[in-house]
Amino acid sequence: MPADTGPQRQPPTLNSLPRPVFSRHEALAAGAWTAEHSHPWGQLSYASQGVLGVRTPAGDHMAPPRFAVWTPPGVRHQLFNRRRAQMHSLYIAPEASILPAECCVLQVSPLARELILRFASLPVEYDQAGAPGRLVAVLLDELAGLPRAAFGLPLPHDRRLLQICAALEAQPDDARTLADWAGVVGASERTLARRFVQETGLGFGQWRQRMRLLLSLDALQAGDSVTQVALAHGYDSPSAFIAAFRSAFFCTPGALLRQQDPDASARVAHKNLPLA
């Protein structure tokens, strides 16, 4: 889902972090993106406004407000956002992290959110032996207990499936069946169906529905009506869209929108070191 139509952001250039945990806040223009890269520390990308995306070789991970994408050390990834967003990044040294070994989306608790914002106001070289160091310890403990969220989309590797996926991401209301796509990509419907399950763990219909729902997050956050979002993403009615959304994400679109945090960016100082 990367939308590399806006400004390119640069990946990290440091060989090490100044402290075990480092914070950066960024206001991201629409379409901002990074080239695929990796670094020797983990990265927690927290969305206070807008929707953040992280693509890894295994798939896409999307974080609407009050959620965060965790990318472990050494994992190649690309960050992107389709519309304007506010991102608070925590760079966490391997020896300090007890977060998962794979990329995932985490639901940020109110306490974790406040700790992230408080930590962002500390000096880069905070006192590890004093109160700042104790705050970091509490922050890491809280992050370790955050529940995972279902804002992920596994990606195939077969070039024929990738062709289908790219076309559907560009036009999510495309209603062509797998039989229709078979003629486009030069493979039988049966082969495509089998490969989808083998490579993503999802059937074609399941994959397309999850892709549509994840793409809808940006439009919902931008203020489009549920009716507009439903029709633009291949649903016949708002009720069908809401039912699918609730089934996939365990809440309604309205409940998710109420988690927006409009004032978080005003409570932190910007740190403009050359990190991404």
C-alpha atoms as a PDB file:
ATOM      1  CA  MET A   1       0.000   0.000   0.000  1.00  0.00           C
ATOM      2  CA  PRO A   2       2.865   2.486  -0.068  1.00  0.00           C
ATOM      3  CA  ALA A   3       1.834   5.681  -1.846  1.00  0.00           C
ATOM      4  CA  ASP A   4       5.191   7.090  -2.957  1.00  0.00           C
ATOM      5  CA  THR A   5       3.659  10.190  -4.524  1.00  0.00           C
ATOM      6  CA  GLY A   6       4.771  12.664  -1.862  1.00  0.00           C
ATOM      7  CA  PRO A   7       8.052  13.655  -0.217  1.00  0.00           C
ATOM      8  CA  GLN A   8      10.579  10.931   0.466  1.00  0.00           C
ATOM      9  CA  ARG A   9      11.803  10.723   4.049  1.00  0.00           C
ATOM     10  CA  GLN A  10      15.322   9.518   4.774  1.00  0.00           C
ATOM     11  CA  PRO A  11      16.019   6.347   6.789  1.00  0.00           C
ATOM     12  CA  PRO A  12      18.215   6.411   9.911  1.00  0.00           C
ATOM     13  CA  THR A  13      21.851   7.417   9.502  1.00  0.00           C
ATOM     14  CA  LEU A  14      23.113   6.764  13.046  1.00  0.00           C
ATOM     15  CA  ASN A  15      25.154   3.671  13.852  1.00  0.00           C
ATOM     16  CA  SER A  16      23.890   3.623  17.416  1.00  0.00           C
ATOM     17  CA  LEU A  17      21.341   5.346  19.633  1.00  0.00           C
ATOM     18  CA  PRO A  18      22.388   8.007  22.155  1.00  0.00           C
ATOM     19  CA  ARG A  19      20.351   6.188  24.813  1.00  0.00           C
ATOM     20  CA  PRO A  20      18.557   2.792  24.921  1.00  0.00           C
ATOM     21  CA  VAL A  21      15.338   4.577  23.926  1.00  0.00           C
ATOM     22  CA  PHE A  22      15.164   7.567  21.594  1.00  0.00           C
ATOM     23  CA  SER A  23      12.084   9.599  20.650  1.00  0.00           C
ATOM     24  CA  ARG A  24      11.209  11.562  17.538  1.00  0.00           C
ATOM     25  CA  HIS A  25       8.018  13.371  16.556  1.00  0.00           C
ATOM     26  CA  GLU A  26       7.180  14.158  12.946  1.00  0.00           C
ATOM     27  CA  ALA A  27       4.347  15.904  11.131  1.00  0.00           C
ATOM     28  CA  LEU A  28       4.063  13.950   7.877  1.00  0.00           C
ATOM     29  CA  ALA A  29       2.860  15.410   4.605  1.00  0.00           C
ATOM     30  CA  ALA A  30       0.371  13.444   2.534  1.00  0.00           C
ATOM     31  CA  GLY A  31       2.066  10.711   0.545  1.00  0.00           C
ATOM     32  CA  ALA A  32       5.292  10.718   2.592  1.00  0.00           C
ATOM     33  CA  TRP A  33       7.354   7.546   2.354  1.00  0.00           C
ATOM     34  CA  THR A  34      10.742   5.975   2.949  1.00  0.00           C
ATOM     35  CA  ALA A  35      12.663   3.576   0.792  1.00  0.00           C
ATOM     36  CA  GLU A  36      12.942   0.056   2.175  1.00  0.00           C
ATOM     37  CA  HIS A  37      15.603  -0.060   4.891  1.00  0.00           C
ATOM     38  CA  SER A  38      16.535  -1.649   8.193  1.00  0.00           C
ATOM     39  CA  HIS A  39      18.411  -0.591  11.317  1.00  0.00           C
ATOM     40  CA  PRO A  40      19.877  -2.338  14.356  1.00  0.00           C
ATOM     41  CA  TRP A  41      17.224  -1.034  16.753  1.00  0.00           C
ATOM     42  CA  GLY A  42      13.488  -1.615  16.921  1.00  0.00           C
ATOM     43  CA  GLN A  43      11.007   1.090  16.005  1.00  0.00           C
ATOM     44  CA  LEU A  44       7.584   1.756  17.494  1.00  0.00           C
ATOM     45  CA  SER A  45       5.644   4.054  15.155  1.00  0.00           C
ATOM     46  CA  TYR A  46       2.722   5.565  17.058  1.00  0.00           C
ATOM     47  CA  ALA A  47      -0.042   7.409  15.220  1.00  0.00           C
ATOM     48  CA  SER A  48      -1.535  10.314  17.132  1.00  0.00           C
ATOM     49  CA  GLN A  49      -3.264  11.614  13.990  1.00  0.00           C
ATOM     50  CA  GLY A  50      -3.831  10.090  10.584  1.00  0.00           C
ATOM     51  CA  VAL A  51      -2.920   6.552   9.546  1.00  0.00           C
ATOM     52  CA  LEU A  52       0.622   5.186   9.448  1.00  0.00           C
ATOM     53  CA  GLY A  53       1.678   2.245   7.308  1.00  0.00           C
ATOM     54  CA  VAL A  54       4.649  -0.087   7.473  1.00  0.00           C
ATOM     55  CA  ARG A  55       5.394  -2.582   4.707  1.00  0.00           C
ATOM     56  CA  THR A  56       7.707  -5.538   5.361  1.00  0.00           C
ATOM     57  CA  PRO A  57       8.440  -8.566   3.174  1.00  0.00           C
ATOM     58  CA  ALA A  58       5.672 -10.376   5.072  1.00  0.00           C
ATOM     59  CA  GLY A  59       2.952  -7.781   4.600  1.00  0.00           C
ATOM     60  CA  ASP A  60       1.443  -4.391   5.408  1.00  0.00           C
ATOM     61  CA  HIS A  61       0.671  -3.089   8.889  1.00  0.00           C
ATOM     62  CA  MET A  62      -1.599  -0.072   9.396  1.00  0.00           C
ATOM     63  CA  ALA A  63      -1.898   2.068  12.530  1.00  0.00           C
ATOM     64  CA  PRO A  64      -4.801   4.505  12.932  1.00  0.00           C
ATOM     65  CA  PRO A  65      -4.776   6.892  15.925  1.00  0.00           C
ATOM     66  CA  ARG A  66      -4.092   5.250  19.302  1.00  0.00           C
ATOM     67  CA  PHE A  67      -2.368   2.334  17.594  1.00  0.00           C
ATOM     68  CA  ALA A  68       1.290   1.732  16.781  1.00  0.00           C
ATOM     69  CA  VAL A  69       3.329  -0.477  14.468  1.00  0.00           C
ATOM     70  CA  TRP A  70       6.219  -2.345  16.065  1.00  0.00           C
ATOM     71  CA  THR A  71       9.131  -3.173  13.734  1.00  0.00           C
ATOM     72  CA  PRO A  72      11.823  -5.362  15.351  1.00  0.00           C
ATOM     73  CA  PRO A  73      15.551  -4.719  14.891  1.00  0.00           C
ATOM     74  CA  GLY A  74      16.955  -5.790  11.537  1.00  0.00           C
ATOM     75  CA  VAL A  75      13.600  -6.173   9.757  1.00  0.00           C
ATOM     76  CA  ARG A  76      13.549  -4.519   6.342  1.00  0.00           C
ATOM     77  CA  HIS A  77      10.622  -2.133   6.136  1.00  0.00           C
ATOM     78  CA  GLN A  78       9.150   0.879   4.393  1.00  0.00           C
ATOM     79  CA  LEU A  79       7.089   3.550   6.160  1.00  0.00           C
ATOM     80  CA  PHE A  80       4.324   5.411   4.374  1.00  0.00           C
ATOM     81  CA  ASN A  81       1.189   7.471   4.916  1.00  0.00           C
ATOM     82  CA  ARG A  82      -1.402   8.280   2.273  1.00  0.00           C
ATOM     83  CA  ARG A  83      -2.733  11.427   3.952  1.00  0.00           C
ATOM     84  CA  ARG A  84      -1.308  13.845   6.485  1.00  0.00           C
ATOM     85  CA  ALA A  85      -0.353  12.234   9.783  1.00  0.00           C
ATOM     86  CA  GLN A  86       1.406  12.818  13.086  1.00  0.00           C
ATOM     87  CA  MET A  87       3.939  10.163  14.109  1.00  0.00           C
ATOM     88  CA  HIS A  88       5.734   9.618  17.393  1.00  0.00           C
ATOM     89  CA  SER A  89       8.564   7.143  16.921  1.00  0.00           C
ATOM     90  CA  LEU A  90      10.377   5.311  19.673  1.00  0.00           C
ATOM     91  CA  TYR A  91      13.692   3.756  18.669  1.00  0.00           C
ATOM     92  CA  ILE A  92      14.464   0.973  21.122  1.00  0.00           C
ATOM     93  CA  ALA A  93      17.830  -0.758  21.450  1.00  0.00           C
ATOM     94  CA  PRO A  94      17.680  -4.570  21.232  1.00  0.00           C
ATOM     95  CA  GLU A  95      18.907  -5.029  24.788  1.00  0.00           C
ATOM     96  CA  ALA A  96      16.107  -2.803  26.114  1.00  0.00           C
ATOM     97  CA  SER A  97      13.189  -4.364  24.255  1.00  0.00           C
ATOM     98  CA  ILE A  98      10.923  -7.219  25.283  1.00  0.00           C
ATOM     99  CA  LEU A  99       8.480  -6.549  22.442  1.00  0.00           C
ATOM    100  CA  PRO A 100       7.506  -9.219  19.861  1.00  0.00           C
ATOM    101  CA  ALA A 101      10.033 -10.760  17.488  1.00  0.00           C
ATOM    102  CA  GLU A 102       7.837 -10.027  14.467  1.00  0.00           C
ATOM    103  CA  CYS A 103       6.293  -6.889  13.037  1.00  0.00           C
ATOM    104  CA  CYS A 104       2.800  -6.238  14.396  1.00  0.00           C
ATOM    105  CA  VAL A 105       0.251  -3.558  15.283  1.00  0.00           C
ATOM    106  CA  LEU A 106      -0.287  -2.786  18.970  1.00  0.00           C
ATOM    107  CA  GLN A 107      -3.212  -1.067  20.642  1.00  0.00           C
ATOM    108  CA  VAL A 108      -1.740   1.763  22.688  1.00  0.00           C
ATOM    109  CA  SER A 109      -3.215   2.081  26.167  1.00  0.00           C
ATOM    110  CA  PRO A 110      -3.981   5.506  27.683  1.00  0.00           C
ATOM    111  CA  LEU A 111      -1.045   5.067  30.062  1.00  0.00           C
ATOM    112  CA  ALA A 112       1.361   4.108  27.266  1.00  0.00           C
ATOM    113  CA  ARG A 113       0.178   7.089  25.235  1.00  0.00           C
ATOM    114  CA  GLU A 114       0.888   9.525  28.074  1.00  0.00           C
ATOM    115  CA  LEU A 115       4.271   7.924  28.737  1.00  0.00           C
ATOM    116  CA  ILE A 116       5.217   8.219  25.047  1.00  0.00           C
ATOM    117  CA  LEU A 117       4.300  11.896  25.019  1.00  0.00           C
ATOM    118  CA  ARG A 118       6.052  12.574  28.328  1.00  0.00           C
ATOM    119  CA  PHE A 119       9.192  10.815  27.190  1.00  0.00           C
ATOM    120  CA  ALA A 120       9.211  12.859  23.987  1.00  0.00           C
ATOM    121  CA  SER A 121       9.769  16.023  26.050  1.00  0.00           C
ATOM    122  CA  LEU A 122      12.941  14.698  27.717  1.00  0.00           C
ATOM    123  CA  PRO A 123      16.452  15.570  26.524  1.00  0.00           C
ATOM    124  CA  VAL A 124      17.965  13.157  24.007  1.00  0.00           C
ATOM    125  CA  GLU A 125      20.671  12.195  26.504  1.00  0.00           C
ATOM    126  CA  TYR A 126      18.323  11.761  29.443  1.00  0.00           C
ATOM    127  CA  ASP A 127      19.617  10.763  32.883  1.00  0.00           C
ATOM    128  CA  GLN A 128      19.419   6.973  32.896  1.00  0.00           C
ATOM    129  CA  ALA A 129      20.086   6.773  36.637  1.00  0.00           C
ATOM    130  CA  GLY A 130      17.487   9.374  37.615  1.00  0.00           C
ATOM    131  CA  ALA A 131      13.772   9.989  37.197  1.00  0.00           C
ATOM    132  CA  PRO A 132      13.925   9.921  33.351  1.00  0.00           C
ATOM    133  CA  GLY A 133      15.492   6.460  33.479  1.00  0.00           C
ATOM    134  CA  ARG A 134      12.714   5.263  35.776  1.00  0.00           C
ATOM    135  CA  LEU A 135      10.108   6.703  33.403  1.00  0.00           C
ATOM    136  CA  VAL A 136      11.700   4.764  30.541  1.00  0.00           C
ATOM    137  CA  ALA A 137      11.546   1.555  32.577  1.00  0.00           C
ATOM    138  CA  VAL A 138       7.826   2.054  33.219  1.00  0.00           C
ATOM    139  CA  LEU A 139       7.263   2.895  29.544  1.00  0.00           C
ATOM    140  CA  LEU A 140       8.990  -0.292  28.370  1.00  0.00           C
ATOM    141  CA  ASP A 141       7.022  -2.391  30.861  1.00  0.00           C
ATOM    142  CA  GLU A 142       3.755  -0.874  29.634  1.00  0.00           C
ATOM    143  CA  LEU A 143       4.649  -1.405  25.964  1.00  0.00           C
ATOM    144  CA  ALA A 144       5.455  -5.050  26.629  1.00  0.00           C
ATOM    145  CA  GLY A 145       1.889  -5.678  27.765  1.00  0.00           C
ATOM    146  CA  LEU A 146       0.045  -3.964  24.912  1.00  0.00           C
ATOM    147  CA  PRO A 147      -2.442  -6.171  23.048  1.00  0.00           C
ATOM    148  CA  ARG A 148      -2.060  -6.811  19.349  1.00  0.00           C
ATOM    149  CA  ALA A 149      -4.552  -5.412  16.855  1.00  0.00           C
ATOM    150  CA  ALA A 150      -5.769  -6.909  13.580  1.00  0.00           C
ATOM    151  CA  PHE A 151      -4.608  -4.113  11.258  1.00  0.00           C
ATOM    152  CA  GLY A 152      -2.343  -6.315   9.160  1.00  0.00           C
ATOM    153  CA  LEU A 153      -2.444  -7.648   5.613  1.00  0.00           C
ATOM    154  CA  PRO A 154      -0.206 -10.548   4.515  1.00  0.00           C
ATOM    155  CA  LEU A 155       1.312 -10.162   1.059  1.00  0.00           C
ATOM    156  CA  PRO A 156       2.002 -12.874  -1.527  1.00  0.00           C
ATOM    157  CA  HIS A 157       5.239 -13.276  -3.475  1.00  0.00           C
ATOM    158  CA  ASP A 158       3.939 -14.822  -6.694  1.00  0.00           C
ATOM    159  CA  ARG A 159       4.218 -12.154  -9.414  1.00  0.00           C
ATOM    160  CA  ARG A 160       0.727 -12.990 -10.712  1.00  0.00           C
ATOM    161  CA  LEU A 161      -0.821 -12.505  -7.300  1.00  0.00           C
ATOM    162  CA  LEU A 162       1.149  -9.302  -6.792  1.00  0.00           C
ATOM    163  CA  GLN A 163      -0.271  -7.978 -10.066  1.00  0.00           C
ATOM    164  CA  ILE A 164      -3.797  -8.639  -8.790  1.00  0.00           C
ATOM    165  CA  CYS A 165      -3.055  -7.124  -5.390  1.00  0.00           C
ATOM    166  CA  ALA A 166      -1.580  -3.940  -6.874  1.00  0.00           C
ATOM    167  CA  ALA A 167      -4.605  -3.469  -9.129  1.00  0.00           C
ATOM    168  CA  LEU A 168      -7.027  -3.942  -6.234  1.00  0.00           C
ATOM    169  CA  GLU A 169      -5.122  -1.533  -4.007  1.00  0.00           C
ATOM    170  CA  ALA A 170      -5.301   1.066  -6.774  1.00  0.00           C
ATOM    171  CA  GLN A 171      -9.036   0.468  -7.254  1.00  0.00           C
ATOM    172  CA  PRO A 172     -10.527  -1.194  -4.156  1.00  0.00           C
ATOM    173  CA  ASP A 173     -14.074  -1.242  -5.554  1.00  0.00           C
ATOM    174  CA  ASP A 174     -12.945  -3.513  -8.425  1.00  0.00           C
ATOM    175  CA  ALA A 175     -15.423  -6.395  -8.268  1.00  0.00           C
ATOM    176  CA  ARG A 176     -13.763  -8.788 -10.704  1.00  0.00           C
ATOM    177  CA  THR A 177     -13.759 -12.413  -9.575  1.00  0.00           C
ATOM    178  CA  LEU A 178     -10.743 -14.660  -9.414  1.00  0.00           C
ATOM    179  CA  ALA A 179     -11.981 -16.271 -12.625  1.00  0.00           C
ATOM    180  CA  ASP A 180     -11.854 -12.848 -14.280  1.00  0.00           C
ATOM    181  CA  TRP A 181      -8.329 -12.271 -12.994  1.00  0.00           C
ATOM    182  CA  ALA A 182      -7.201 -15.665 -14.253  1.00  0.00           C
ATOM    183  CA  GLY A 183      -7.534 -14.438 -17.814  1.00  0.00           C
ATOM    184  CA  VAL A 184      -5.672 -11.222 -17.014  1.00  0.00           C
ATOM    185  CA  VAL A 185      -2.589 -12.747 -15.364  1.00  0.00           C
ATOM    186  CA  GLY A 186      -2.370 -15.976 -17.367  1.00  0.00           C
ATOM    187  CA  ALA A 187      -3.100 -18.606 -14.730  1.00  0.00           C
ATOM    188  CA  SER A 188      -6.067 -20.818 -13.924  1.00  0.00           C
ATOM    189  CA  GLU A 189      -8.578 -19.792 -11.280  1.00  0.00           C
ATOM    190  CA  ARG A 190      -7.724 -22.927  -9.315  1.00  0.00           C
ATOM    191  CA  THR A 191      -3.999 -22.129  -9.338  1.00  0.00           C
ATOM    192  CA  LEU A 192      -4.592 -18.555  -8.184  1.00  0.00           C
ATOM    193  CA  ALA A 193      -6.953 -19.670  -5.423  1.00  0.00           C
ATOM    194  CA  ARG A 194      -4.462 -22.248  -4.162  1.00  0.00           C
ATOM    195  CA  ARG A 195      -1.544 -19.813  -4.269  1.00  0.00           C
ATOM    196  CA  PHE A 196      -3.474 -17.122  -2.378  1.00  0.00           C
ATOM    197  CA  VAL A 197      -4.089 -19.488   0.516  1.00  0.00           C
ATOM    198  CA  GLN A 198      -0.539 -20.875   0.442  1.00  0.00           C
ATOM    199  CA  GLU A 199       1.151 -17.478   0.439  1.00  0.00           C
ATOM    200  CA  THR A 200      -1.166 -15.336   2.592  1.00  0.00           C
ATOM    201  CA  GLY A 201      -3.169 -17.795   4.667  1.00  0.00           C
ATOM    202  CA  LEU A 202      -6.333 -16.167   3.306  1.00  0.00           C
ATOM    203  CA  GLY A 203      -8.669 -16.968   0.465  1.00  0.00           C
ATOM    204  CA  PHE A 204      -8.933 -14.392  -2.308  1.00  0.00           C
ATOM    205  CA  GLY A 205     -12.242 -13.022  -1.032  1.00  0.00           C
ATOM    206  CA  GLN A 206     -10.935 -12.758   2.527  1.00  0.00           C
ATOM    207  CA  TRP A 207      -7.752 -11.029   1.378  1.00  0.00           C
ATOM    208  CA  ARG A 208      -9.657  -8.513  -0.744  1.00  0.00           C
ATOM    209  CA  GLN A 209     -12.056  -7.690   2.084  1.00  0.00           C
ATOM    210  CA  ARG A 210      -9.216  -7.102   4.546  1.00  0.00           C
ATOM    211  CA  MET A 211      -7.400  -4.947   1.996  1.00  0.00           C
ATOM    212  CA  ARG A 212     -10.533  -2.864   1.413  1.00  0.00           C
ATOM    213  CA  LEU A 213     -11.094  -2.352   5.125  1.00  0.00           C
ATOM    214  CA  LEU A 214      -7.496  -1.312   5.753  1.00  0.00           C
ATOM    215  CA  LEU A 215      -7.574   1.141   2.855  1.00  0.00           C
ATOM    216  CA  SER A 216     -10.800   2.596   4.239  1.00  0.00           C
ATOM    217  CA  LEU A 217      -9.021   3.767   7.399  1.00  0.00           C
ATOM    218  CA  ASP A 218      -7.468   6.744   5.609  1.00  0.00           C
ATOM    219  CA  ALA A 219     -10.777   7.904   4.157  1.00  0.00           C
ATOM    220  CA  LEU A 220     -12.532   7.566   7.511  1.00  0.00           C
ATOM    221  CA  GLN A 221      -9.814   9.558   9.280  1.00  0.00           C
ATOM    222  CA  ALA A 222     -10.053  12.247   6.578  1.00  0.00           C
ATOM    223  CA  GLY A 223     -13.724  12.767   7.400  1.00  0.00           C
ATOM    224  CA  ASP A 224     -15.415  11.053   4.462  1.00  0.00           C
ATOM    225  CA  SER A 225     -18.899   9.817   5.288  1.00  0.00           C
ATOM    226  CA  VAL A 226     -19.425   6.124   5.966  1.00  0.00           C
ATOM    227  CA  THR A 227     -21.620   5.941   2.865  1.00  0.00           C
ATOM    228  CA  GLN A 228     -18.872   7.444   0.685  1.00  0.00           C
ATOM    229  CA  VAL A 229     -16.246   5.146   2.176  1.00  0.00           C
ATOM    230  CA  ALA A 230     -18.398   2.048   1.813  1.00  0.00           C
ATOM    231  CA  LEU A 231     -19.182   2.622  -1.859  1.00  0.00           C
ATOM    232  CA  ALA A 232     -15.611   3.638  -2.738  1.00  0.00           C
ATOM    233  CA  HIS A 233     -14.277   0.437  -1.213  1.00  0.00           C
ATOM    234  CA  GLY A 234     -16.552  -2.058  -2.895  1.00  0.00           C
ATOM    235  CA  TYR A 235     -19.469  -2.362  -0.467  1.00  0.00           C
ATOM    236  CA  ASP A 236     -23.083  -2.171  -1.609  1.00  0.00           C
ATOM    237  CA  SER A 237     -24.309  -0.338   1.495  1.00  0.00           C
ATOM    238  CA  PRO A 238     -23.063   1.365   4.660  1.00  0.00           C
ATOM    239  CA  SER A 239     -24.571  -1.420   6.775  1.00  0.00           C
ATOM    240  CA  ALA A 240     -22.586  -4.076   4.901  1.00  0.00           C
ATOM    241  CA  PHE A 241     -19.403  -2.050   5.368  1.00  0.00           C
ATOM    242  CA  ILE A 242     -20.010  -1.479   9.082  1.00  0.00           C
ATOM    243  CA  ALA A 243     -20.746  -5.183   9.621  1.00  0.00           C
ATOM    244  CA  ALA A 244     -17.523  -6.207   7.849  1.00  0.00           C
ATOM    245  CA  PHE A 245     -15.533  -3.558   9.740  1.00  0.00           C
ATOM    246  CA  ARG A 246     -16.863  -4.727  13.103  1.00  0.00           C
ATOM    247  CA  SER A 247     -16.172  -8.366  12.253  1.00  0.00           C
ATOM    248  CA  ALA A 248     -12.555  -7.644  11.267  1.00  0.00           C
ATOM    249  CA  PHE A 249     -11.585  -4.990  13.828  1.00  0.00           C
ATOM    250  CA  PHE A 250     -14.031  -5.631  16.712  1.00  0.00           C
ATOM    251  CA  CYS A 251     -15.399  -2.086  16.677  1.00  0.00           C
ATOM    252  CA  THR A 252     -17.449   0.157  14.422  1.00  0.00           C
ATOM    253  CA  PRO A 253     -15.897   2.879  12.231  1.00  0.00           C
ATOM    254  CA  GLY A 254     -17.427   5.494  14.524  1.00  0.00           C
ATOM    255  CA  ALA A 255     -15.872   3.962  17.624  1.00  0.00           C
ATOM    256  CA  LEU A 256     -12.474   3.938  15.968  1.00  0.00           C
ATOM    257  CA  LEU A 257     -12.778   7.584  14.903  1.00  0.00           C
ATOM    258  CA  ARG A 258     -13.488   8.650  18.460  1.00  0.00           C
ATOM    259  CA  GLN A 259      -9.963   7.535  19.364  1.00  0.00           C
ATOM    260  CA  GLN A 260      -8.409  10.437  17.415  1.00  0.00           C
ATOM    261  CA  ASP A 261      -5.975  12.465  19.524  1.00  0.00           C
ATOM    262  CA  PRO A 262      -6.014  16.020  18.083  1.00  0.00           C
ATOM    263  CA  ASP A 263      -3.808  17.700  20.642  1.00  0.00           C
ATOM    264  CA  ALA A 264      -0.937  15.233  21.099  1.00  0.00           C
ATOM    265  CA  SER A 265       1.416  16.995  18.714  1.00  0.00           C
ATOM    266  CA  ALA A 266       1.199  20.219  20.713  1.00  0.00           C
ATOM    267  CA  ARG A 267       2.549  18.549  23.832  1.00  0.00           C
ATOM    268  CA  VAL A 268       5.968  17.478  22.574  1.00  0.00           C
ATOM    269  CA  ALA A 269       9.098  19.209  21.367  1.00  0.00           C
ATOM    270  CA  HIS A 270      10.255  18.360  17.857  1.00  0.00           C
ATOM    271  CA  LYS A 271      13.536  16.476  17.605  1.00  0.00           C
ATOM    272  CA  ASN A 272      14.946  16.853  14.112  1.00  0.00           C
ATOM    273  CA  LEU A 273      17.860  14.440  14.092  1.00  0.00           C
ATOM    274  CA  PRO A 274      18.341  12.617  10.757  1.00  0.00           C
ATOM    275  CA  LEU A 275      16.239   9.578  11.646  1.00  0.00           C
ATOM    276  CA  ALA A 276      13.167   8.068   9.974  1.00  0.00           C
END
